[in-house]
N, C-alpha and C. Protein backbone atom coordinates (compact mmCIF):
# COMPACT_ATOMS: atom_id res chain seq x y z
N MET A 1 -81.53 52.47 -52.28
CA MET A 1 -80.80 51.46 -53.01
C MET A 1 -79.51 52.10 -53.48
N ILE A 2 -78.39 51.43 -53.27
CA ILE A 2 -77.10 51.95 -53.70
C ILE A 2 -76.52 50.99 -54.74
N PHE A 3 -76.23 51.51 -55.91
CA PHE A 3 -75.68 50.73 -57.01
C PHE A 3 -74.25 51.19 -57.24
N THR A 4 -73.29 50.32 -57.03
CA THR A 4 -71.90 50.64 -57.33
C THR A 4 -71.46 49.76 -58.49
N SER A 5 -70.59 50.32 -59.35
CA SER A 5 -70.20 49.56 -60.53
C SER A 5 -68.80 49.93 -60.99
N ILE A 6 -68.20 48.98 -61.67
CA ILE A 6 -66.94 49.18 -62.39
C ILE A 6 -67.24 48.87 -63.85
N ARG A 7 -66.98 49.83 -64.72
CA ARG A 7 -67.30 49.70 -66.13
C ARG A 7 -66.21 48.94 -66.88
N THR A 8 -66.61 48.33 -68.00
CA THR A 8 -65.68 47.81 -68.99
C THR A 8 -65.36 48.95 -69.95
N ASN A 9 -64.63 48.68 -70.99
CA ASN A 9 -64.33 49.69 -72.01
C ASN A 9 -65.39 49.75 -73.10
N VAL A 10 -66.40 48.90 -73.03
CA VAL A 10 -67.45 48.86 -74.05
C VAL A 10 -68.39 50.04 -73.86
N GLU A 11 -68.55 50.83 -74.92
CA GLU A 11 -69.43 52.01 -74.87
C GLU A 11 -70.71 51.81 -75.68
N ASP A 12 -70.72 50.86 -76.59
CA ASP A 12 -71.81 50.65 -77.54
C ASP A 12 -73.18 50.63 -76.86
N GLY A 13 -73.91 51.74 -77.00
CA GLY A 13 -75.27 51.81 -76.49
C GLY A 13 -75.41 52.13 -75.01
N TYR A 14 -74.29 52.24 -74.28
CA TYR A 14 -74.38 52.45 -72.83
C TYR A 14 -75.05 53.78 -72.48
N ALA A 15 -74.57 54.88 -73.04
CA ALA A 15 -75.10 56.20 -72.67
C ALA A 15 -76.59 56.31 -72.97
N GLU A 16 -76.99 55.84 -74.13
CA GLU A 16 -78.40 55.90 -74.51
C GLU A 16 -79.26 55.06 -73.57
N THR A 17 -78.79 53.86 -73.26
CA THR A 17 -79.55 52.98 -72.37
C THR A 17 -79.60 53.55 -70.96
N ASN A 18 -78.49 54.09 -70.49
CA ASN A 18 -78.46 54.69 -69.16
C ASN A 18 -79.45 55.84 -69.07
N ASP A 19 -79.48 56.69 -70.08
CA ASP A 19 -80.43 57.81 -70.10
C ASP A 19 -81.88 57.30 -70.10
N LYS A 20 -82.15 56.30 -70.93
CA LYS A 20 -83.50 55.74 -71.03
C LYS A 20 -83.94 55.14 -69.70
N ILE A 21 -83.06 54.35 -69.08
CA ILE A 21 -83.40 53.68 -67.83
C ILE A 21 -83.58 54.70 -66.70
N THR A 22 -82.77 55.74 -66.69
CA THR A 22 -82.92 56.78 -65.67
C THR A 22 -84.27 57.47 -65.80
N GLU A 23 -84.65 57.82 -67.02
CA GLU A 23 -85.95 58.46 -67.23
C GLU A 23 -87.10 57.51 -66.88
N LEU A 24 -86.96 56.24 -67.21
CA LEU A 24 -87.98 55.25 -66.89
C LEU A 24 -88.13 55.10 -65.37
N ALA A 25 -87.01 55.06 -64.65
CA ALA A 25 -87.06 54.94 -63.19
C ALA A 25 -87.81 56.12 -62.59
N LYS A 26 -87.57 57.32 -63.11
CA LYS A 26 -88.22 58.52 -62.59
C LYS A 26 -89.73 58.47 -62.75
N GLN A 27 -90.22 57.69 -63.70
CA GLN A 27 -91.66 57.57 -63.95
C GLN A 27 -92.32 56.49 -63.09
N GLN A 28 -91.52 55.68 -62.41
CA GLN A 28 -92.06 54.56 -61.64
C GLN A 28 -92.70 55.03 -60.34
N GLU A 29 -93.81 54.39 -59.99
CA GLU A 29 -94.45 54.68 -58.70
C GLU A 29 -93.46 54.38 -57.58
N GLY A 30 -93.34 55.31 -56.65
CA GLY A 30 -92.46 55.12 -55.51
C GLY A 30 -91.07 55.69 -55.67
N PHE A 31 -90.71 56.18 -56.87
CA PHE A 31 -89.41 56.80 -57.09
C PHE A 31 -89.37 58.14 -56.38
N LEU A 32 -88.31 58.38 -55.60
CA LEU A 32 -88.18 59.63 -54.84
C LEU A 32 -87.03 60.52 -55.32
N GLY A 33 -86.01 59.94 -55.94
CA GLY A 33 -84.88 60.73 -56.41
C GLY A 33 -83.66 59.88 -56.66
N MET A 34 -82.61 60.54 -57.20
CA MET A 34 -81.40 59.81 -57.57
C MET A 34 -80.21 60.76 -57.57
N GLU A 35 -79.06 60.24 -57.12
CA GLU A 35 -77.79 60.98 -57.17
C GLU A 35 -76.74 60.01 -57.69
N SER A 36 -75.91 60.48 -58.62
CA SER A 36 -74.90 59.60 -59.22
C SER A 36 -73.57 60.31 -59.39
N ALA A 37 -72.49 59.52 -59.34
CA ALA A 37 -71.14 60.03 -59.59
C ALA A 37 -70.30 58.89 -60.15
N ARG A 38 -69.32 59.25 -60.98
CA ARG A 38 -68.40 58.24 -61.52
C ARG A 38 -67.01 58.84 -61.59
N ALA A 39 -66.09 58.17 -60.95
CA ALA A 39 -64.66 58.51 -61.02
C ALA A 39 -63.92 57.19 -60.87
N GLY A 40 -63.99 56.37 -61.89
CA GLY A 40 -63.50 55.00 -61.79
C GLY A 40 -64.61 54.11 -61.28
N LEU A 41 -64.93 54.24 -60.00
CA LEU A 41 -66.05 53.53 -59.40
C LEU A 41 -67.30 54.38 -59.57
N GLY A 42 -68.34 53.79 -60.13
CA GLY A 42 -69.61 54.49 -60.25
C GLY A 42 -70.46 54.23 -59.03
N ILE A 43 -71.11 55.26 -58.54
CA ILE A 43 -72.00 55.14 -57.39
C ILE A 43 -73.30 55.87 -57.70
N SER A 44 -74.41 55.17 -57.58
CA SER A 44 -75.72 55.79 -57.72
C SER A 44 -76.55 55.44 -56.50
N ALA A 45 -77.09 56.46 -55.87
CA ALA A 45 -78.05 56.26 -54.78
C ALA A 45 -79.42 56.56 -55.37
N ILE A 46 -80.28 55.56 -55.39
CA ILE A 46 -81.62 55.70 -55.94
C ILE A 46 -82.58 55.55 -54.77
N TYR A 47 -83.40 56.57 -54.56
CA TYR A 47 -84.28 56.60 -53.40
C TYR A 47 -85.69 56.17 -53.79
N TRP A 48 -86.22 55.21 -53.04
CA TRP A 48 -87.55 54.67 -53.28
C TRP A 48 -88.38 54.78 -52.01
N ARG A 49 -89.68 54.88 -52.17
CA ARG A 49 -90.59 55.01 -51.05
C ARG A 49 -90.56 53.80 -50.13
N ASP A 50 -90.48 52.59 -50.71
CA ASP A 50 -90.56 51.38 -49.91
C ASP A 50 -89.98 50.19 -50.69
N LEU A 51 -89.90 49.05 -50.02
CA LEU A 51 -89.33 47.84 -50.64
C LEU A 51 -90.17 47.36 -51.82
N GLU A 52 -91.46 47.57 -51.76
CA GLU A 52 -92.33 47.16 -52.86
C GLU A 52 -92.00 47.94 -54.13
N SER A 53 -91.69 49.22 -53.97
CA SER A 53 -91.31 50.04 -55.14
C SER A 53 -90.01 49.53 -55.75
N ILE A 54 -89.06 49.16 -54.91
CA ILE A 54 -87.79 48.59 -55.39
C ILE A 54 -88.06 47.29 -56.13
N GLN A 55 -88.93 46.45 -55.60
CA GLN A 55 -89.25 45.17 -56.24
C GLN A 55 -89.91 45.38 -57.59
N ARG A 56 -90.83 46.33 -57.68
CA ARG A 56 -91.46 46.62 -58.98
C ARG A 56 -90.41 47.08 -59.98
N TRP A 57 -89.48 47.94 -59.55
CA TRP A 57 -88.42 48.40 -60.44
C TRP A 57 -87.54 47.23 -60.86
N ARG A 58 -87.19 46.38 -59.92
CA ARG A 58 -86.36 45.21 -60.23
C ARG A 58 -87.02 44.33 -61.29
N ASN A 59 -88.34 44.23 -61.25
CA ASN A 59 -89.07 43.37 -62.17
C ASN A 59 -89.47 44.06 -63.47
N ASN A 60 -89.20 45.34 -63.62
CA ASN A 60 -89.55 46.07 -64.82
C ASN A 60 -88.84 45.45 -66.03
N GLU A 61 -89.59 45.19 -67.09
CA GLU A 61 -89.04 44.49 -68.25
C GLU A 61 -87.88 45.25 -68.90
N ASP A 62 -88.01 46.55 -69.10
CA ASP A 62 -86.93 47.33 -69.71
C ASP A 62 -85.69 47.34 -68.82
N HIS A 63 -85.89 47.43 -67.51
CA HIS A 63 -84.78 47.38 -66.58
C HIS A 63 -84.08 46.02 -66.64
N GLN A 64 -84.86 44.95 -66.73
CA GLN A 64 -84.29 43.61 -66.84
C GLN A 64 -83.44 43.46 -68.10
N LEU A 65 -83.93 44.00 -69.22
CA LEU A 65 -83.16 43.92 -70.48
C LEU A 65 -81.86 44.71 -70.37
N ALA A 66 -81.91 45.88 -69.75
CA ALA A 66 -80.69 46.68 -69.55
C ALA A 66 -79.72 45.95 -68.64
N LYS A 67 -80.23 45.28 -67.63
CA LYS A 67 -79.38 44.52 -66.70
C LYS A 67 -78.64 43.41 -67.44
N VAL A 68 -79.33 42.69 -68.29
CA VAL A 68 -78.70 41.62 -69.08
C VAL A 68 -77.58 42.19 -69.94
N ARG A 69 -77.85 43.31 -70.61
CA ARG A 69 -76.84 43.94 -71.45
C ARG A 69 -75.67 44.44 -70.61
N GLY A 70 -75.97 44.99 -69.42
CA GLY A 70 -74.92 45.46 -68.52
C GLY A 70 -73.98 44.35 -68.10
N ILE A 71 -74.55 43.20 -67.74
CA ILE A 71 -73.72 42.05 -67.34
C ILE A 71 -72.89 41.56 -68.51
N LYS A 72 -73.49 41.53 -69.70
CA LYS A 72 -72.81 41.02 -70.89
C LYS A 72 -71.69 41.95 -71.36
N ASP A 73 -71.95 43.27 -71.35
CA ASP A 73 -71.05 44.19 -72.05
C ASP A 73 -70.45 45.31 -71.20
N TRP A 74 -71.24 45.97 -70.35
CA TRP A 74 -70.85 47.26 -69.81
C TRP A 74 -70.19 47.24 -68.45
N TYR A 75 -70.42 46.19 -67.67
CA TYR A 75 -69.88 46.18 -66.31
C TYR A 75 -68.91 45.04 -66.09
N ALA A 76 -67.78 45.36 -65.48
CA ALA A 76 -66.85 44.33 -65.03
C ALA A 76 -67.33 43.78 -63.68
N ALA A 77 -68.01 44.63 -62.93
CA ALA A 77 -68.58 44.23 -61.64
C ALA A 77 -69.63 45.26 -61.23
N TYR A 78 -70.62 44.80 -60.48
CA TYR A 78 -71.52 45.74 -59.82
C TYR A 78 -72.06 45.11 -58.55
N HIS A 79 -72.52 45.96 -57.65
CA HIS A 79 -73.12 45.53 -56.39
C HIS A 79 -74.31 46.43 -56.11
N ILE A 80 -75.35 45.83 -55.57
CA ILE A 80 -76.54 46.57 -55.16
C ILE A 80 -76.73 46.36 -53.67
N ARG A 81 -76.96 47.47 -52.98
CA ARG A 81 -77.22 47.42 -51.54
C ARG A 81 -78.57 48.08 -51.29
N ILE A 82 -79.41 47.40 -50.56
CA ILE A 82 -80.70 47.95 -50.17
C ILE A 82 -80.52 48.48 -48.75
N ALA A 83 -80.77 49.76 -48.58
CA ALA A 83 -80.54 50.40 -47.28
C ALA A 83 -81.70 51.35 -46.98
N LYS A 84 -81.91 51.62 -45.71
CA LYS A 84 -82.93 52.55 -45.27
C LYS A 84 -82.26 53.82 -44.76
N VAL A 85 -82.68 54.96 -45.29
CA VAL A 85 -82.16 56.24 -44.83
C VAL A 85 -82.94 56.62 -43.57
N GLU A 86 -82.25 56.74 -42.48
CA GLU A 86 -82.88 57.08 -41.21
C GLU A 86 -82.98 58.58 -40.99
N ARG A 87 -82.02 59.31 -41.55
CA ARG A 87 -81.99 60.76 -41.34
C ARG A 87 -81.13 61.37 -42.44
N GLU A 88 -81.42 62.61 -42.76
CA GLU A 88 -80.62 63.35 -43.74
C GLU A 88 -80.39 64.75 -43.18
N TYR A 89 -79.16 65.24 -43.32
CA TYR A 89 -78.86 66.62 -42.94
C TYR A 89 -77.66 67.10 -43.71
N GLY A 90 -77.45 68.39 -43.76
CA GLY A 90 -76.32 68.96 -44.50
C GLY A 90 -76.48 70.47 -44.56
N PHE A 91 -75.79 71.09 -45.51
CA PHE A 91 -75.87 72.52 -45.68
C PHE A 91 -75.53 72.86 -47.12
N VAL A 92 -75.93 74.04 -47.51
CA VAL A 92 -75.56 74.60 -48.82
C VAL A 92 -75.00 75.99 -48.56
N LYS A 93 -73.76 76.21 -48.99
CA LYS A 93 -73.10 77.48 -48.78
C LYS A 93 -73.76 78.55 -49.65
N ALA A 94 -74.12 79.65 -49.02
CA ALA A 94 -74.71 80.78 -49.76
C ALA A 94 -73.62 81.44 -50.61
N THR A 95 -74.00 81.84 -51.81
CA THR A 95 -73.03 82.51 -52.69
C THR A 95 -73.43 83.94 -52.95
């Protein structure tokens, strides 16, 4: 799942809620990992075992409350893309 967002200038409660929701997601059945970056446009790739895990997360009550607050206050726009990772490769430079 790829979540992209553009933030508003409202900070009230955002950092705390983001931390809480991230920790909650990590506890959900089917959660595999997460990578995030923000430089104007925020991008988070959240990896789930299957579509059922994504659906359970989508229906999570705390996640739903955070989503409502995000739409109301914290995001000017966001998009969610559901995608399947077919392969992963890369390297890490030895130091």
